C-alpha atoms as a PDB file:
ATOM      1  CA  MET A   1      15.554-210.845  80.591  1.00  0.00           C
ATOM      2  CA  THR A   2      17.277-213.958  79.305  1.00  0.00           C
ATOM      3  CA  PRO A   3      18.519-216.840  81.482  1.00  0.00           C
ATOM      4  CA  SER A   4      22.118-215.719  80.904  1.00  0.00           C
ATOM      5  CA  LEU A   5      21.354-212.153  81.979  1.00  0.00           C
ATOM      6  CA  GLN A   6      19.306-213.340  84.952  1.00  0.00           C
ATOM      7  CA  SER A   7      22.182-215.554  86.072  1.00  0.00           C
ATOM      8  CA  SER A   8      24.635-212.624  85.973  1.00  0.00           C
ATOM      9  CA  ILE A   9      22.204-210.351  87.814  1.00  0.00           C
ATOM     10  CA  SER A  10      21.642-213.023  90.482  1.00  0.00           C
ATOM     11  CA  PHE A  11      25.415-213.352  90.978  1.00  0.00           C
ATOM     12  CA  ILE A  12      25.746-209.579  91.510  1.00  0.00           C
ATOM     13  CA  GLN A  13      22.713-209.410  93.802  1.00  0.00           C
ATOM     14  CA  THR A  14      24.005-212.276  95.938  1.00  0.00           C
ATOM     15  CA  LEU A  15      27.354-210.533  96.312  1.00  0.00           C
ATOM     16  CA  MET A  16      25.613-207.296  97.267  1.00  0.00           C
ATOM     17  CA  ALA A  17      23.299-209.022  99.743  1.00  0.00           C
ATOM     18  CA  SER A  18      26.327-210.603 101.454  1.00  0.00           C
ATOM     19  CA  HIS A  19      27.619-207.196 102.544  1.00  0.00           C
ATOM     20  CA  LEU A  20      28.736-207.217 106.201  1.00  0.00           C
ATOM     21  CA  THR A  21      28.119-210.945 106.614  1.00  0.00           C
ATOM     22  CA  ALA A  22      31.867-211.356 107.239  1.00  0.00           C
ATOM     23  CA  PRO A  23      34.585-209.230 108.900  1.00  0.00           C
ATOM     24  CA  GLU A  24      35.925-208.298 105.448  1.00  0.00           C
ATOM     25  CA  GLY A  25      34.426-207.639 102.051  1.00  0.00           C
ATOM     26  CA  GLU A  26      34.839-210.032  99.140  1.00  0.00           C
ATOM     27  CA  ILE A  27      36.556-209.580  95.781  1.00  0.00           C
ATOM     28  CA  ALA A  28      34.560-211.328  93.060  1.00  0.00           C
ATOM     29  CA  PHE A  29      34.817-211.524  89.258  1.00  0.00           C
ATOM     30  CA  LEU A  30      32.234-211.246  86.454  1.00  0.00           C
ATOM     31  CA  LEU A  31      33.957-212.296  83.225  1.00  0.00           C
ATOM     32  CA  GLY A  32      33.028-212.708  79.592  1.00  0.00           C
ATOM     33  CA  GLU A  33      33.800-211.709  76.040  1.00  0.00           C
ATOM     34  CA  THR A  34      32.959-208.329  74.524  1.00  0.00           C
ATOM     35  CA  ARG A  35      29.191-207.797  74.164  1.00  0.00           C
ATOM     36  CA  ALA A  36      28.439-210.809  76.327  1.00  0.00           C
ATOM     37  CA  GLY A  37      26.066-208.798  78.547  1.00  0.00           C
ATOM     38  CA  LYS A  38      28.271-208.018  81.566  1.00  0.00           C
ATOM     39  CA  THR A  39      27.673-204.262  81.624  1.00  0.00           C
ATOM     40  CA  THR A  40      23.977-204.802  80.911  1.00  0.00           C
ATOM     41  CA  ALA A  41      23.720-206.935  84.055  1.00  0.00           C
ATOM     42  CA  ILE A  42      25.504-204.290  86.139  1.00  0.00           C
ATOM     43  CA  ASN A  43      23.262-201.531  84.820  1.00  0.00           C
ATOM     44  CA  GLU A  44      20.162-203.589  85.622  1.00  0.00           C
ATOM     45  CA  VAL A  45      21.313-203.991  89.235  1.00  0.00           C
ATOM     46  CA  ILE A  46      22.088-200.258  89.466  1.00  0.00           C
ATOM     47  CA  ALA A  47      18.607-199.421  88.146  1.00  0.00           C
ATOM     48  CA  GLU A  48      16.950-201.874  90.553  1.00  0.00           C
ATOM     49  CA  THR A  49      18.936-200.496  93.496  1.00  0.00           C
ATOM     50  CA  ALA A  50      17.887-196.940  92.630  1.00  0.00           C
ATOM     51  CA  GLU A  51      14.241-198.009  92.444  1.00  0.00           C
ATOM     52  CA  GLU A  52      14.353-199.973  95.712  1.00  0.00           C
ATOM     53  CA  THR A  53      16.102-197.207  97.671  1.00  0.00           C
ATOM     54  CA  GLY A  54      14.370-194.235  96.070  1.00  0.00           C
ATOM     55  CA  GLY A  55      17.782-192.986  94.995  1.00  0.00           C
ATOM     56  CA  GLN A  56      18.955-191.295  91.848  1.00  0.00           C
ATOM     57  CA  ILE A  57      21.546-192.519  89.372  1.00  0.00           C
ATOM     58  CA  VAL A  58      24.365-189.998  88.973  1.00  0.00           C
ATOM     59  CA  SER A  59      27.321-190.178  86.615  1.00  0.00           C
ATOM     60  CA  GLN A  60      30.591-188.332  86.251  1.00  0.00           C
ATOM     61  CA  LEU A  61      32.507-187.709  83.053  1.00  0.00           C
ATOM     62  CA  LEU A  62      36.264-187.223  83.120  1.00  0.00           C
ATOM     63  CA  ASP A  63      38.354-185.822  80.292  1.00  0.00           C
ATOM     64  CA  ASP A  64      40.719-188.788  80.145  1.00  0.00           C
ATOM     65  CA  GLN A  65      39.530-190.613  77.010  1.00  0.00           C
ATOM     66  CA  ARG A  66      37.496-193.298  78.750  1.00  0.00           C
ATOM     67  CA  ASP A  67      34.908-194.986  76.600  1.00  0.00           C
ATOM     68  CA  SER A  68      31.959-193.793  78.693  1.00  0.00           C
ATOM     69  CA  GLU A  69      31.140-192.275  82.076  1.00  0.00           C
ATOM     70  CA  ALA A  70      34.091-192.638  84.405  1.00  0.00           C
ATOM     71  CA  MET A  71      31.868-193.226  87.426  1.00  0.00           C
ATOM     72  CA  VAL A  72      28.219-194.120  88.018  1.00  0.00           C
ATOM     73  CA  SER A  73      26.556-194.461  91.408  1.00  0.00           C
ATOM     74  CA  VAL A  74      23.209-194.559  93.151  1.00  0.00           C
ATOM     75  CA  LEU A  75      22.827-191.601  95.513  1.00  0.00           C
ATOM     76  CA  VAL A  76      20.214-191.812  98.272  1.00  0.00           C
ATOM     77  CA  LYS A  77      19.122-188.930 100.502  1.00  0.00           C
ATOM     78  CA  THR A  78      18.547-190.007 104.127  1.00  0.00           C
ATOM     79  CA  PRO A  79      17.885-188.084 107.366  1.00  0.00           C
ATOM     80  CA  ASN A  80      21.541-188.670 108.274  1.00  0.00           C
ATOM     81  CA  GLY A  81      22.976-187.528 104.941  1.00  0.00           C
ATOM     82  CA  TRP A  82      23.788-189.101 101.591  1.00  0.00           C
ATOM     83  CA  GLU A  83      24.265-192.817 101.049  1.00  0.00           C
ATOM     84  CA  ARG A  84      25.842-194.495  98.037  1.00  0.00           C
ATOM     85  CA  PRO A  85      24.851-198.201  98.070  1.00  0.00           C
ATOM     86  CA  ILE A  86      26.479-199.084  94.745  1.00  0.00           C
ATOM     87  CA  VAL A  87      29.268-197.459  92.728  1.00  0.00           C
ATOM     88  CA  LYS A  88      30.616-198.368  89.277  1.00  0.00           C
ATOM     89  CA  ILE A  89      34.042-197.152  88.168  1.00  0.00           C
ATOM     90  CA  TYR A  90      35.405-197.616  84.656  1.00  0.00           C
ATOM     91  CA  VAL A  91      39.059-198.608  84.776  1.00  0.00           C
ATOM     92  CA  PRO A  92      41.101-196.485  82.332  1.00  0.00           C
ATOM     93  CA  LYS A  93      43.751-197.903  80.049  1.00  0.00           C
ATOM     94  CA  ALA A  94      47.202-198.359  81.636  1.00  0.00           C
ATOM     95  CA  PRO A  95      45.988-197.630  85.190  1.00  0.00           C
ATOM     96  CA  THR A  96      48.373-197.068  88.082  1.00  0.00           C
ATOM     97  CA  PHE A  97      47.867-197.800  91.765  1.00  0.00           C
ATOM     98  CA  ASN A  98      47.673-194.111  92.669  1.00  0.00           C
ATOM     99  CA  GLY A  99      45.488-193.289  89.673  1.00  0.00           C
ATOM    100  CA  LEU A 100      43.009-196.047  90.468  1.00  0.00           C
ATOM    101  CA  LEU A 101      42.935-195.137  94.155  1.00  0.00           C
ATOM    102  CA  ASN A 102      42.366-191.481  93.270  1.00  0.00           C
ATOM    103  CA  ASP A 103      39.446-192.529  91.039  1.00  0.00           C
ATOM    104  CA  VAL A 104      37.892-194.300  94.011  1.00  0.00           C
ATOM    105  CA  LEU A 105      38.358-191.230  96.208  1.00  0.00           C
ATOM    106  CA  LEU A 106      36.767-189.053  93.516  1.00  0.00           C
ATOM    107  CA  ALA A 107      33.827-191.436  93.148  1.00  0.00           C
ATOM    108  CA  PHE A 108      33.078-191.010  96.850  1.00  0.00           C
ATOM    109  CA  ASP A 109      33.572-187.235  96.708  1.00  0.00           C
ATOM    110  CA  ILE A 110      36.614-187.427  99.003  1.00  0.00           C
ATOM    111  CA  LYS A 111      38.813-184.349  98.663  1.00  0.00           C
ATOM    112  CA  LEU A 112      42.297-184.547 100.141  1.00  0.00           C
ATOM    113  CA  PRO A 113      45.413-182.471  99.577  1.00  0.00           C
ATOM    114  CA  ARG A 114      47.999-183.870  97.181  1.00  0.00           C
ATOM    115  CA  SER A 115      50.356-184.235 100.104  1.00  0.00           C
ATOM    116  CA  ALA A 116      48.025-186.749 101.806  1.00  0.00           C
ATOM    117  CA  THR A 117      49.771-189.988 102.675  1.00  0.00           C
ATOM    118  CA  PHE A 118      48.470-193.414 101.721  1.00  0.00           C
ATOM    119  CA  ALA A 119      47.436-194.004 105.336  1.00  0.00           C
ATOM    120  CA  GLU A 120      45.415-190.777 105.316  1.00  0.00           C
ATOM    121  CA  ARG A 121      43.711-191.683 102.048  1.00  0.00           C
ATOM    122  CA  GLN A 122      42.986-195.192 103.314  1.00  0.00           C
ATOM    123  CA  LEU A 123      41.487-193.863 106.537  1.00  0.00           C
ATOM    124  CA  ALA A 124      39.295-191.328 104.697  1.00  0.00           C
ATOM    125  CA  LEU A 125      38.126-193.961 102.239  1.00  0.00           C
ATOM    126  CA  GLY A 126      37.223-196.445 104.964  1.00  0.00           C
ATOM    127  CA  ARG A 127      35.297-193.777 106.832  1.00  0.00           C
ATOM    128  CA  GLN A 128      33.307-192.757 103.752  1.00  0.00           C
ATOM    129  CA  LEU A 129      32.557-196.315 102.668  1.00  0.00           C
ATOM    130  CA  LYS A 130      30.955-197.002 106.016  1.00  0.00           C
ATOM    131  CA  GLY A 131      29.336-193.578 106.325  1.00  0.00           C
ATOM    132  CA  GLN A 132      27.832-193.794 102.844  1.00  0.00           C
ATOM    133  CA  ALA A 133      26.671-197.378 103.504  1.00  0.00           C
ATOM    134  CA  THR A 134      28.344-198.639 100.332  1.00  0.00           C
ATOM    135  CA  ARG A 135      27.628-202.291  99.726  1.00  0.00           C
ATOM    136  CA  LEU A 136      29.179-202.848  96.315  1.00  0.00           C
ATOM    137  CA  VAL A 137      31.971-201.213  94.298  1.00  0.00           C
ATOM    138  CA  VAL A 138      32.124-202.369  90.673  1.00  0.00           C
ATOM    139  CA  PHE A 139      35.187-201.944  88.469  1.00  0.00           C
ATOM    140  CA  ASP A 140      34.279-202.255  84.779  1.00  0.00           C
ATOM    141  CA  ASP A 141      36.857-202.968  82.055  1.00  0.00           C
ATOM    142  CA  THR A 142      39.148-204.357  84.751  1.00  0.00           C
ATOM    143  CA  GLN A 143      41.146-206.223  82.099  1.00  0.00           C
ATOM    144  CA  HIS A 144      43.001-202.940  81.511  1.00  0.00           C
ATOM    145  CA  ILE A 145      44.902-203.645  84.736  1.00  0.00           C
ATOM    146  CA  CYS A 146      46.246-206.869  83.215  1.00  0.00           C
ATOM    147  CA  GLU A 147      47.182-205.348  79.858  1.00  0.00           C
ATOM    148  CA  LYS A 148      50.133-203.221  80.964  1.00  0.00           C
ATOM    149  CA  GLY A 149      52.396-206.207  80.438  1.00  0.00           C
ATOM    150  CA  LYS A 150      53.582-206.342  84.040  1.00  0.00           C
ATOM    151  CA  THR A 151      52.539-208.650  86.850  1.00  0.00           C
ATOM    152  CA  SER A 152      53.191-205.775  89.257  1.00  0.00           C
ATOM    153  CA  ALA A 153      50.373-203.766  87.639  1.00  0.00           C
ATOM    154  CA  ALA A 154      47.846-206.514  88.382  1.00  0.00           C
ATOM    155  CA  TYR A 155      49.239-206.829  91.906  1.00  0.00           C
ATOM    156  CA  GLU A 156      48.878-203.083  92.536  1.00  0.00           C
ATOM    157  CA  GLY A 157      45.369-203.015  91.092  1.00  0.00           C
ATOM    158  CA  ALA A 158      44.354-205.822  93.416  1.00  0.00           C
ATOM    159  CA  ASP A 159      45.829-203.805  96.292  1.00  0.00           C
ATOM    160  CA  VAL A 160      43.228-201.087  95.636  1.00  0.00           C
ATOM    161  CA  PHE A 161      40.477-203.700  95.737  1.00  0.00           C
ATOM    162  CA  LYS A 162      41.979-205.052  98.956  1.00  0.00           C
ATOM    163  CA  VAL A 163      41.771-201.602 100.578  1.00  0.00           C
ATOM    164  CA  LEU A 164      38.059-201.425  99.769  1.00  0.00           C
ATOM    165  CA  ALA A 165      37.354-204.930 101.060  1.00  0.00           C
ATOM    166  CA  LYS A 166      39.494-204.825 104.207  1.00  0.00           C
ATOM    167  CA  THR A 167      39.275-201.158 105.250  1.00  0.00           C
ATOM    168  CA  GLY A 168      35.752-200.337 104.099  1.00  0.00           C
ATOM    169  CA  GLN A 169      34.238-203.861 104.278  1.00  0.00           C
ATOM    170  CA  ALA A 170      32.718-203.240 100.842  1.00  0.00           C
ATOM    171  CA  GLN A 171      32.003-205.958  98.331  1.00  0.00           C
ATOM    172  CA  VAL A 172      34.171-205.572  95.220  1.00  0.00           C
ATOM    173  CA  LEU A 173      33.257-206.830  91.745  1.00  0.00           C
ATOM    174  CA  CYS A 174      35.865-206.921  88.980  1.00  0.00           C
ATOM    175  CA  VAL A 175      34.223-207.013  85.546  1.00  0.00           C
ATOM    176  CA  GLY A 176      36.123-207.663  82.346  1.00  0.00           C
ATOM    177  CA  LEU A 177      37.371-210.048  79.705  1.00  0.00           C
ATOM    178  CA  GLU A 178      38.282-213.550  80.821  1.00  0.00           C
ATOM    179  CA  HIS A 179      41.995-212.799  81.266  1.00  0.00           C
ATOM    180  CA  THR A 180      41.015-210.428  84.099  1.00  0.00           C
ATOM    181  CA  ILE A 181      41.359-213.543  86.243  1.00  0.00           C
ATOM    182  CA  GLU A 182      45.131-212.934  86.096  1.00  0.00           C
ATOM    183  CA  ILE A 183      44.585-210.518  88.993  1.00  0.00           C
ATOM    184  CA  LYS A 184      44.014-213.523  91.253  1.00  0.00           C
ATOM    185  CA  ASP A 185      47.266-215.076  90.089  1.00  0.00           C
ATOM    186  CA  ALA A 186      49.230-211.866  90.601  1.00  0.00           C
ATOM    187  CA  ASN A 187      47.893-211.127  94.076  1.00  0.00           C
ATOM    188  CA  PRO A 188      46.790-214.117  96.204  1.00  0.00           C
ATOM    189  CA  GLN A 189      44.865-211.828  98.572  1.00  0.00           C
ATOM    190  CA  ALA A 190      42.400-211.189  95.740  1.00  0.00           C
ATOM    191  CA  GLU A 191      41.726-214.919  95.701  1.00  0.00           C
ATOM    192  CA  TRP A 192      41.420-215.379  99.442  1.00  0.00           C
ATOM    193  CA  LEU A 193      39.113-212.393  99.860  1.00  0.00           C
ATOM    194  CA  GLY A 194      36.292-214.369  98.279  1.00  0.00           C
ATOM    195  CA  GLY A 195      37.567-214.811  94.759  1.00  0.00           C
ATOM    196  CA  GLU A 196      34.303-216.227  93.344  1.00  0.00           C
ATOM    197  CA  VAL A 197      34.018-216.104  89.572  1.00  0.00           C
ATOM    198  CA  HIS A 198      30.988-215.961  87.288  1.00  0.00           C
ATOM    199  CA  VAL A 199      31.656-216.356  83.553  1.00  0.00           C
ATOM    200  CA  VAL A 200      29.015-215.234  81.049  1.00  0.00           C
ATOM    201  CA  ARG A 201      28.706-218.112  78.606  1.00  0.00           C
ATOM    202  CA  PRO A 202      27.368-217.895  75.043  1.00  0.00           C
ATOM    203  CA  HIS A 203      24.453-219.891  73.681  1.00  0.00           C
ATOM    204  CA  ASP A 204      25.251-223.265  72.168  1.00  0.00           C
ATOM    205  CA  ILE A 205      25.174-223.020  68.380  1.00  0.00           C
ATOM    206  CA  THR A 206      22.541-225.513  67.287  1.00  0.00           C
ATOM    207  CA  ALA A 207      19.627-225.622  64.840  1.00  0.00           C
ATOM    208  CA  GLU A 208      17.290-227.148  67.427  1.00  0.00           C
ATOM    209  CA  ARG A 209      14.137-225.051  67.815  1.00  0.00           C
ATOM    210  CA  SER A 210      14.076-225.877  71.531  1.00  0.00           C
ATOM    211  CA  SER A 211      17.585-224.490  72.117  1.00  0.00           C
ATOM    212  CA  SER A 212      18.297-221.363  74.141  1.00  0.00           C
ATOM    213  CA  LEU A 213      19.641-219.692  70.980  1.00  0.00           C
ATOM    214  CA  ALA A 214      16.367-220.347  69.149  1.00  0.00           C
ATOM    215  CA  THR A 215      14.328-219.110  72.112  1.00  0.00           C
ATOM    216  CA  TYR A 216      16.385-215.932  72.415  1.00  0.00           C
ATOM    217  CA  CYS A 217      16.099-215.124  68.710  1.00  0.00           C
ATOM    218  CA  ALA A 218      12.373-215.899  68.703  1.00  0.00           C
ATOM    219  CA  THR A 219      11.962-213.444  71.593  1.00  0.00           C
ATOM    220  CA  LEU A 220      13.860-210.756  69.675  1.00  0.00           C
ATOM    221  CA  ASN A 221      11.660-211.510  66.680  1.00  0.00           C
ATOM    222  CA  LYS A 222       8.578-210.362  68.625  1.00  0.00           C
ATOM    223  CA  GLU A 223      10.206-206.998  69.414  1.00  0.00           C
ATOM    224  CA  LEU A 224      10.977-206.003  65.821  1.00  0.00           C
ATOM    225  CA  PRO A 225       9.216-202.880  64.459  1.00  0.00           C
ATOM    226  CA  PHE A 226       7.666-204.500  61.370  1.00  0.00           C
ATOM    227  CA  ASP A 227       4.037-205.247  60.519  1.00  0.00           C
ATOM    228  CA  THR A 228       5.092-208.385  58.644  1.00  0.00           C
ATOM    229  CA  PRO A 229       6.545-211.169  60.844  1.00  0.00           C
ATOM    230  CA  SER A 230      10.310-211.597  60.568  1.00  0.00           C
ATOM    231  CA  ALA A 231      12.204-214.894  60.487  1.00  0.00           C
ATOM    232  CA  LEU A 232      14.584-214.716  63.459  1.00  0.00           C
ATOM    233  CA  GLY A 233      12.952-217.795  64.953  1.00  0.00           C
ATOM    234  CA  GLU A 234      13.773-219.908  61.900  1.00  0.00           C
ATOM    235  CA  PRO A 235      16.903-222.138  61.877  1.00  0.00           C
ATOM    236  CA  ASP A 236      18.083-220.749  58.528  1.00  0.00           C
ATOM    237  CA  VAL A 237      18.366-217.339  60.250  1.00  0.00           C
ATOM    238  CA  PHE A 238      19.225-217.959  63.903  1.00  0.00           C
ATOM    239  CA  LEU A 239      21.867-220.587  63.122  1.00  0.00           C
ATOM    240  CA  PRO A 240      24.067-218.358  60.885  1.00  0.00           C
ATOM    241  CA  LEU A 241      23.298-215.372  63.125  1.00  0.00           C
ATOM    242  CA  GLY A 242      24.407-217.255  66.221  1.00  0.00           C
ATOM    243  CA  THR A 243      27.492-218.590  64.446  1.00  0.00           C
ATOM    244  CA  TYR A 244      28.528-215.131  63.264  1.00  0.00           C
ATOM    245  CA  CYS A 245      28.076-213.693  66.781  1.00  0.00           C
ATOM    246  CA  ASP A 246      29.682-216.674  68.573  1.00  0.00           C
ATOM    247  CA  GLY A 247      26.414-217.200  70.447  1.00  0.00           C
ATOM    248  CA  TYR A 248      26.715-214.016  72.554  1.00  0.00           C
ATOM    249  CA  GLU A 249      23.428-212.261  73.238  1.00  0.00           C
ATOM    250  CA  GLY A 250      24.807-208.722  73.133  1.00  0.00           C
ATOM    251  CA  ARG A 251      26.398-209.285  69.734  1.00  0.00           C
ATOM    252  CA  ILE A 252      23.239-210.884  68.335  1.00  0.00           C
ATOM    253  CA  ALA A 253      21.104-208.003  69.603  1.00  0.00           C
ATOM    254  CA  THR A 254      23.481-205.468  68.027  1.00  0.00           C
ATOM    255  CA  ILE A 255      23.406-207.136  64.598  1.00  0.00           C
ATOM    256  CA  VAL A 256      19.612-207.495  64.731  1.00  0.00           C
ATOM    257  CA  ARG A 257      19.177-203.819  65.650  1.00  0.00           C
ATOM    258  CA  LEU A 258      21.454-202.602  62.855  1.00  0.00           C
ATOM    259  CA  ALA A 259      19.947-204.982  60.299  1.00  0.00           C
ATOM    260  CA  ALA A 260      16.476-203.723  61.265  1.00  0.00           C
ATOM    261  CA  ARG A 261      17.614-200.145  60.622  1.00  0.00           C
ATOM    262  CA  TYR A 262      19.050-201.269  57.268  1.00  0.00           C
ATOM    263  CA  ALA A 263      15.692-202.830  56.360  1.00  0.00           C
ATOM    264  CA  ILE A 264      13.687-199.773  57.429  1.00  0.00           C
ATOM    265  CA  GLU A 265      15.894-197.466  55.365  1.00  0.00           C
ATOM    266  CA  ARG A 266      15.102-199.604  52.313  1.00  0.00           C
ATOM    267  CA  ASN A 267      11.371-199.979  53.053  1.00  0.00           C
ATOM    268  CA  LEU A 268      11.731-203.742  53.450  1.00  0.00           C
ATOM    269  CA  PRO A 269       8.785-205.450  55.180  1.00  0.00           C
ATOM    270  CA  SER A 270      10.748-207.627  57.634  1.00  0.00           C
ATOM    271  CA  LEU A 271      14.047-209.341  58.443  1.00  0.00           C
ATOM    272  CA  ASN A 272      14.885-212.589  56.718  1.00  0.00           C
ATOM    273  CA  ARG A 273      17.980-214.480  55.610  1.00  0.00           C
ATOM    274  CA  LEU A 274      18.455-212.377  52.467  1.00  0.00           C
ATOM    275  CA  VAL A 275      18.263-209.088  54.400  1.00  0.00           C
ATOM    276  CA  PHE A 276      20.965-210.253  56.818  1.00  0.00           C
ATOM    277  CA  GLU A 277      23.103-211.465  53.899  1.00  0.00           C
ATOM    278  CA  ASN A 278      22.840-208.101  52.155  1.00  0.00           C
ATOM    279  CA  TYR A 279      23.379-206.150  55.372  1.00  0.00           C
ATOM    280  CA  LEU A 280      26.636-207.972  56.158  1.00  0.00           C
ATOM    281  CA  ARG A 281      27.829-207.460  52.589  1.00  0.00           C
ATOM    282  CA  ASP A 282      26.770-203.808  52.167  1.00  0.00           C
ATOM    283  CA  LYS A 283      27.379-202.367  55.638  1.00  0.00           C
ATOM    284  CA  LEU A 284      30.022-204.572  57.248  1.00  0.00           C
ATOM    285  CA  LEU A 285      31.866-205.365  53.994  1.00  0.00           C
ATOM    286  CA  ILE A 286      31.841-209.103  54.715  1.00  0.00           C
ATOM    287  CA  ALA A 287      33.147-211.039  51.726  1.00  0.00           C
ATOM    288  CA  ASP A 288      30.763-213.575  50.186  1.00  0.00           C
ATOM    289  CA  GLN A 289      32.998-216.501  51.149  1.00  0.00           C
ATOM    290  CA  GLU A 290      32.830-215.369  54.815  1.00  0.00           C
ATOM    291  CA  ASN A 291      29.136-214.446  54.854  1.00  0.00           C
ATOM    292  CA  PRO A 292      27.327-216.974  57.087  1.00  0.00           C
ATOM    293  CA  PHE A 293      23.995-216.280  55.395  1.00  0.00           C
ATOM    294  CA  ARG A 294      25.439-217.613  52.127  1.00  0.00           C
ATOM    295  CA  MET A 295      26.631-220.851  53.739  1.00  0.00           C
ATOM    296  CA  THR A 296      25.071-224.247  54.199  1.00  0.00           C
ATOM    297  CA  THR A 297      24.812-225.757  57.672  1.00  0.00           C
ATOM    298  CA  GLU A 298      27.921-227.828  56.993  1.00  0.00           C
ATOM    299  CA  GLU A 299      29.870-224.818  55.718  1.00  0.00           C
ATOM    300  CA  LEU A 300      28.994-222.817  58.835  1.00  0.00           C
ATOM    301  CA  GLU A 301      31.248-225.120  60.845  1.00  0.00           C
ATOM    302  CA  THR A 302      34.232-223.725  58.942  1.00  0.00           C
ATOM    303  CA  LEU A 303      33.279-220.064  59.522  1.00  0.00           C
ATOM    304  CA  PRO A 304      35.345-219.459  62.704  1.00  0.00           C
ATOM    305  CA  ALA A 305      38.498-220.695  60.981  1.00  0.00           C
ATOM    306  CA  LEU A 306      37.758-218.591  57.884  1.00  0.00           C
ATOM    307  CA  VAL A 307      37.176-215.464  59.954  1.00  0.00           C
ATOM    308  CA  ALA A 308      40.335-216.040  62.003  1.00  0.00           C
ATOM    309  CA  ALA A 309      42.431-216.574  58.866  1.00  0.00           C
ATOM    310  CA  ALA A 310      41.024-213.463  57.186  1.00  0.00           C
ATOM    311  CA  ARG A 311      41.664-211.371  60.295  1.00  0.00           C
ATOM    312  CA  LYS A 312      45.236-212.671  60.493  1.00  0.00           C
ATOM    313  CA  ASP A 313      45.821-211.765  56.839  1.00  0.00           C
ATOM    314  CA  ARG A 314      44.541-208.225  57.432  1.00  0.00           C
ATOM    315  CA  ILE A 315      46.813-207.810  60.457  1.00  0.00           C
ATOM    316  CA  VAL A 316      49.854-209.050  58.518  1.00  0.00           C
ATOM    317  CA  SER A 317      49.032-206.705  55.628  1.00  0.00           C
ATOM    318  CA  ALA A 318      48.672-203.771  58.003  1.00  0.00           C
ATOM    319  CA  GLU A 319      52.014-204.562  59.669  1.00  0.00           C
ATOM    320  CA  LYS A 320      53.733-204.752  56.283  1.00  0.00           C
ATOM    321  CA  ARG A 321      52.205-201.431  55.255  1.00  0.00           C
ATOM    322  CA  ARG A 322      53.383-199.746  58.467  1.00  0.00           C
ATOM    323  CA  SER A 323      56.847-201.257  58.039  1.00  0.00           C
ATOM    324  CA  ARG A 324      57.083-199.914  54.479  1.00  0.00           C
ATOM    325  CA  GLY A 325      56.040-196.495  55.746  1.00  0.00           C
ATOM    326  CA  LYS A 326      58.797-196.491  58.358  1.00  0.00           C
ATOM    327  CA  ARG A 327      61.429-197.515  55.788  1.00  0.00           C
ATOM    328  CA  ASN A 328      60.272-194.881  53.363  1.00  0.00           C
ATOM    329  CA  ARG A 329      60.420-192.131  55.976  1.00  0.00           C
ATOM    330  CA  THR A 330      63.938-193.191  56.982  1.00  0.00           C
ATOM    331  CA  ALA A 331      65.111-193.211  53.382  1.00  0.00           C
ATOM    332  CA  PHE A 332      63.461-189.861  52.778  1.00  0.00           C
ATOM    333  CA  GLY A 333      65.360-188.285  55.665  1.00  0.00           C
ATOM    334  CA  ALA A 334      68.636-189.951  54.643  1.00  0.00           C
ATOM    335  CA  ARG A 335      68.593-188.097  51.335  1.00  0.00           C
ATOM    336  CA  GLY A 336      68.513-184.820  53.228  1.00  0.00           C
ATOM    337  CA  LEU A 337      65.344-183.717  51.486  1.00  0.00           C
END
């Protein structure tokens, strides 16, 4: 439970605790890069809510190519029926207003005929939000709304959030990459219905043993499944590890977990700089000149630029390869073969 994770959890809990303290719900934003710990914070709050209310965590899978469960909620049995204090909905790629609104209806087990008007759906949703005592509705991967290339898409997505906040008085949390904030620019009502933003920040990349990066890695070091102590708490390990992962806890934890598996498979006694160097080379195919565990402290400062340049070269090469393929197919057809 790191300070960064605790801060995100506190932000969500405060939003949830503010339910019904105003005539309308709020629309808030939890933003950060991939593997920054956003979903982890949400899942912690869901687990805590289930424990506090005696509810059960239920999930729904939909056959629409989403990365994980389409919907997750806490369901609580009461003398007056079922309550759903918190709901999480994964936003699919290229969402539409009607599709997103239908997802919300499905999450609350609201069944209406296809001919139902927007007013009828809005009325049913408001009734169920209040009847099920829903305090918080979370939309994960909300950046998908902003990636359709149209301002109208972000505006329409925010309209769904507005329905929840104004009709059902629920608190709404939009979770996603940092450009999710474009929703506020596209639809001013999203800003004036609360609009508070919490950004998950990475650790500062420093070799100081008193730094938050050093403390985090030293904590991970204690959790490793080796009899021999590992070296995550040493600057020559946590500095290149933090640099490679841009200081984000989720990314660091992922690399440490996979490197530990790599070491166990090879009967190595612990994790050290050499193990990480070999893991990045053998399993992630990182070239020696881009491998942070082969760099000096001074060279590490150039790593982001090296990685960006290498990624750009791979993208250009891929585009050229696809372009050649298109030309070849055209020429092939032109010969009538």
